N, C-alpha and C. Protein backbone atom coordinates (compact mmCIF):
# COMPACT_ATOMS: atom_id res chain seq x y z
N UNK A 1 23.78 78.95 -87.82
CA UNK A 1 24.90 78.86 -86.97
C UNK A 1 24.67 77.87 -86.03
N UNK A 2 25.85 76.94 -85.96
CA UNK A 2 25.82 75.83 -84.98
C UNK A 2 26.00 76.29 -83.61
N UNK A 3 25.18 75.70 -82.58
CA UNK A 3 25.18 75.94 -81.16
C UNK A 3 26.43 75.40 -80.61
N UNK A 4 27.17 75.97 -79.66
CA UNK A 4 28.28 75.36 -79.02
C UNK A 4 27.83 74.52 -77.90
N UNK A 5 28.32 73.31 -77.96
CA UNK A 5 27.89 72.37 -76.98
C UNK A 5 29.13 71.97 -76.21
N UNK A 6 28.95 72.00 -74.80
CA UNK A 6 30.25 71.89 -73.73
C UNK A 6 29.99 70.53 -73.10
N UNK A 7 31.04 69.96 -72.88
CA UNK A 7 31.19 68.95 -71.66
C UNK A 7 31.02 69.59 -70.31
N UNK A 8 30.91 68.77 -69.16
CA UNK A 8 30.87 69.32 -67.94
C UNK A 8 32.16 69.94 -67.61
N UNK A 9 33.24 69.22 -68.02
CA UNK A 9 34.51 69.80 -67.76
C UNK A 9 34.91 71.14 -68.60
N UNK A 10 34.45 71.27 -69.68
CA UNK A 10 34.50 72.57 -70.35
C UNK A 10 33.74 73.66 -69.64
N UNK A 11 32.44 73.25 -69.34
CA UNK A 11 31.62 74.36 -68.73
C UNK A 11 32.17 74.78 -67.47
N UNK A 12 32.65 73.73 -66.60
CA UNK A 12 33.29 74.12 -65.38
C UNK A 12 34.40 75.19 -65.51
N UNK A 13 35.24 74.92 -66.59
CA UNK A 13 36.58 75.63 -66.88
C UNK A 13 36.12 77.22 -67.39
N UNK A 14 35.00 77.28 -68.28
CA UNK A 14 34.49 78.41 -68.59
C UNK A 14 33.88 79.27 -67.67
N UNK A 15 33.14 78.65 -66.61
CA UNK A 15 32.57 79.33 -65.40
C UNK A 15 33.62 79.55 -64.11
N UNK A 16 34.72 78.96 -64.28
CA UNK A 16 35.73 79.02 -63.21
C UNK A 16 35.31 78.32 -61.91
N UNK A 17 34.54 77.16 -62.07
CA UNK A 17 33.95 76.57 -61.02
C UNK A 17 34.36 74.99 -61.03
N UNK A 18 34.22 74.41 -59.99
CA UNK A 18 34.57 72.94 -60.06
C UNK A 18 33.36 72.18 -60.88
N UNK A 19 33.54 70.94 -61.15
CA UNK A 19 32.64 70.03 -61.81
C UNK A 19 31.51 69.64 -60.63
N UNK A 20 31.91 69.70 -59.45
CA UNK A 20 30.96 69.37 -58.52
C UNK A 20 30.00 70.37 -58.48
N UNK A 21 30.30 71.79 -58.57
CA UNK A 21 29.60 72.73 -58.58
C UNK A 21 28.51 72.71 -59.82
N UNK A 22 28.97 72.36 -60.96
CA UNK A 22 28.05 72.11 -62.06
C UNK A 22 27.11 71.12 -61.89
N UNK A 23 27.33 70.01 -61.05
CA UNK A 23 26.43 68.95 -60.72
C UNK A 23 25.45 69.60 -59.76
N UNK A 24 25.76 70.41 -58.80
CA UNK A 24 24.86 71.09 -57.80
C UNK A 24 23.88 72.15 -58.59
N UNK A 25 24.45 72.81 -59.55
CA UNK A 25 23.68 73.73 -60.41
C UNK A 25 22.72 72.98 -61.26
N UNK A 26 22.95 71.77 -61.71
CA UNK A 26 21.97 70.95 -62.48
C UNK A 26 20.87 70.63 -61.58
N UNK A 27 20.97 70.46 -60.27
CA UNK A 27 19.85 70.07 -59.44
C UNK A 27 19.01 71.28 -59.22
N UNK A 28 19.63 72.44 -59.48
CA UNK A 28 18.84 73.69 -59.32
C UNK A 28 18.30 74.07 -60.56
N UNK A 29 18.34 73.43 -61.70
CA UNK A 29 17.73 73.63 -63.00
C UNK A 29 18.63 74.20 -64.17
N UNK A 30 19.82 74.04 -64.01
CA UNK A 30 20.78 74.44 -65.10
C UNK A 30 20.59 73.63 -66.32
N UNK A 31 20.22 74.12 -67.45
CA UNK A 31 19.89 73.39 -68.49
C UNK A 31 20.93 72.44 -69.16
N UNK A 32 20.55 71.17 -69.23
CA UNK A 32 21.49 70.19 -69.88
C UNK A 32 20.82 69.22 -70.66
N UNK A 33 21.54 68.11 -71.32
CA UNK A 33 21.04 67.21 -71.99
C UNK A 33 21.89 65.84 -72.03
N UNK A 34 21.43 64.76 -72.12
CA UNK A 34 22.29 63.70 -72.32
C UNK A 34 22.46 63.11 -73.64
N UNK A 35 23.67 62.66 -73.64
CA UNK A 35 24.03 62.04 -74.95
C UNK A 35 24.63 60.57 -74.62
N UNK A 36 23.89 59.67 -74.60
CA UNK A 36 24.20 58.37 -73.99
C UNK A 36 24.25 58.55 -72.70
N UNK A 37 25.34 58.20 -71.85
CA UNK A 37 25.48 58.56 -70.41
C UNK A 37 26.33 59.94 -69.97
N UNK A 38 26.51 60.52 -71.26
CA UNK A 38 27.31 61.89 -70.96
C UNK A 38 26.34 62.95 -70.94
N UNK A 39 26.61 63.91 -69.98
CA UNK A 39 25.83 65.12 -70.00
C UNK A 39 26.47 66.26 -70.74
N UNK A 40 25.74 67.16 -71.51
CA UNK A 40 26.24 68.13 -72.35
C UNK A 40 25.36 69.28 -72.09
N UNK A 41 26.03 70.46 -72.38
CA UNK A 41 25.42 71.74 -72.08
C UNK A 41 25.57 72.49 -73.32
N UNK A 42 24.33 73.34 -73.62
CA UNK A 42 24.51 74.35 -74.78
C UNK A 42 24.74 75.69 -74.14
N UNK A 43 25.86 76.12 -74.61
CA UNK A 43 26.51 77.27 -73.99
C UNK A 43 25.49 78.47 -73.95
N UNK A 44 24.75 78.78 -75.15
CA UNK A 44 23.82 79.87 -75.00
C UNK A 44 22.70 79.71 -74.09
N UNK A 45 22.22 78.59 -73.92
CA UNK A 45 21.16 78.29 -72.91
C UNK A 45 21.52 78.49 -71.49
N UNK A 46 22.86 77.99 -71.38
CA UNK A 46 23.32 78.03 -69.92
C UNK A 46 23.65 79.35 -69.55
N UNK A 47 24.10 80.31 -70.47
CA UNK A 47 24.37 81.69 -70.05
C UNK A 47 23.01 82.46 -69.88
N UNK A 48 22.06 82.03 -70.67
CA UNK A 48 20.75 82.58 -70.64
C UNK A 48 20.11 82.29 -69.29
N UNK A 49 20.19 81.08 -68.73
CA UNK A 49 19.76 80.49 -67.51
C UNK A 49 20.48 81.50 -66.27
N UNK A 50 21.67 81.61 -66.46
CA UNK A 50 22.38 82.52 -65.38
C UNK A 50 21.88 83.92 -65.42
N UNK A 51 21.51 84.38 -66.53
CA UNK A 51 20.86 85.92 -66.57
C UNK A 51 19.50 85.72 -65.96
N UNK A 52 18.79 84.76 -66.32
CA UNK A 52 17.46 84.80 -65.59
C UNK A 52 17.48 84.45 -64.19
N UNK A 53 18.53 83.79 -63.64
CA UNK A 53 18.76 83.73 -62.28
C UNK A 53 19.10 85.05 -61.49
N UNK A 54 19.85 85.82 -62.10
CA UNK A 54 20.35 87.05 -61.76
C UNK A 54 19.06 88.05 -61.62
N UNK A 55 18.12 88.00 -62.68
CA UNK A 55 16.94 88.77 -62.63
C UNK A 55 15.97 88.40 -61.64
N UNK A 56 15.75 87.28 -61.35
CA UNK A 56 14.94 86.57 -60.40
C UNK A 56 15.50 86.55 -58.88
N UNK A 57 16.76 87.14 -58.79
CA UNK A 57 17.35 87.16 -57.43
C UNK A 57 16.85 88.21 -56.45
N UNK A 58 16.47 87.86 -55.25
CA UNK A 58 15.97 88.97 -54.49
C UNK A 58 17.02 89.97 -54.19
N UNK A 59 16.49 91.37 -54.16
CA UNK A 59 17.28 92.39 -53.93
C UNK A 59 17.33 92.62 -52.49
N UNK A 60 18.59 92.96 -51.99
CA UNK A 60 18.79 93.46 -50.57
C UNK A 60 18.45 94.71 -50.18
């Protein structure tokens, strides 16, 4: 099965955030890779990263 690869704009739309938020999340470790000068995201890895962030979040 082929992995779904997203552009920054596609990922922002999927997550309902701005592209600037995607840039900020990249600095926090959001998994991505470059194709030439373009940044791409593996949908499955991004969703797994968010799950891990939620698990490691301190509980109030």
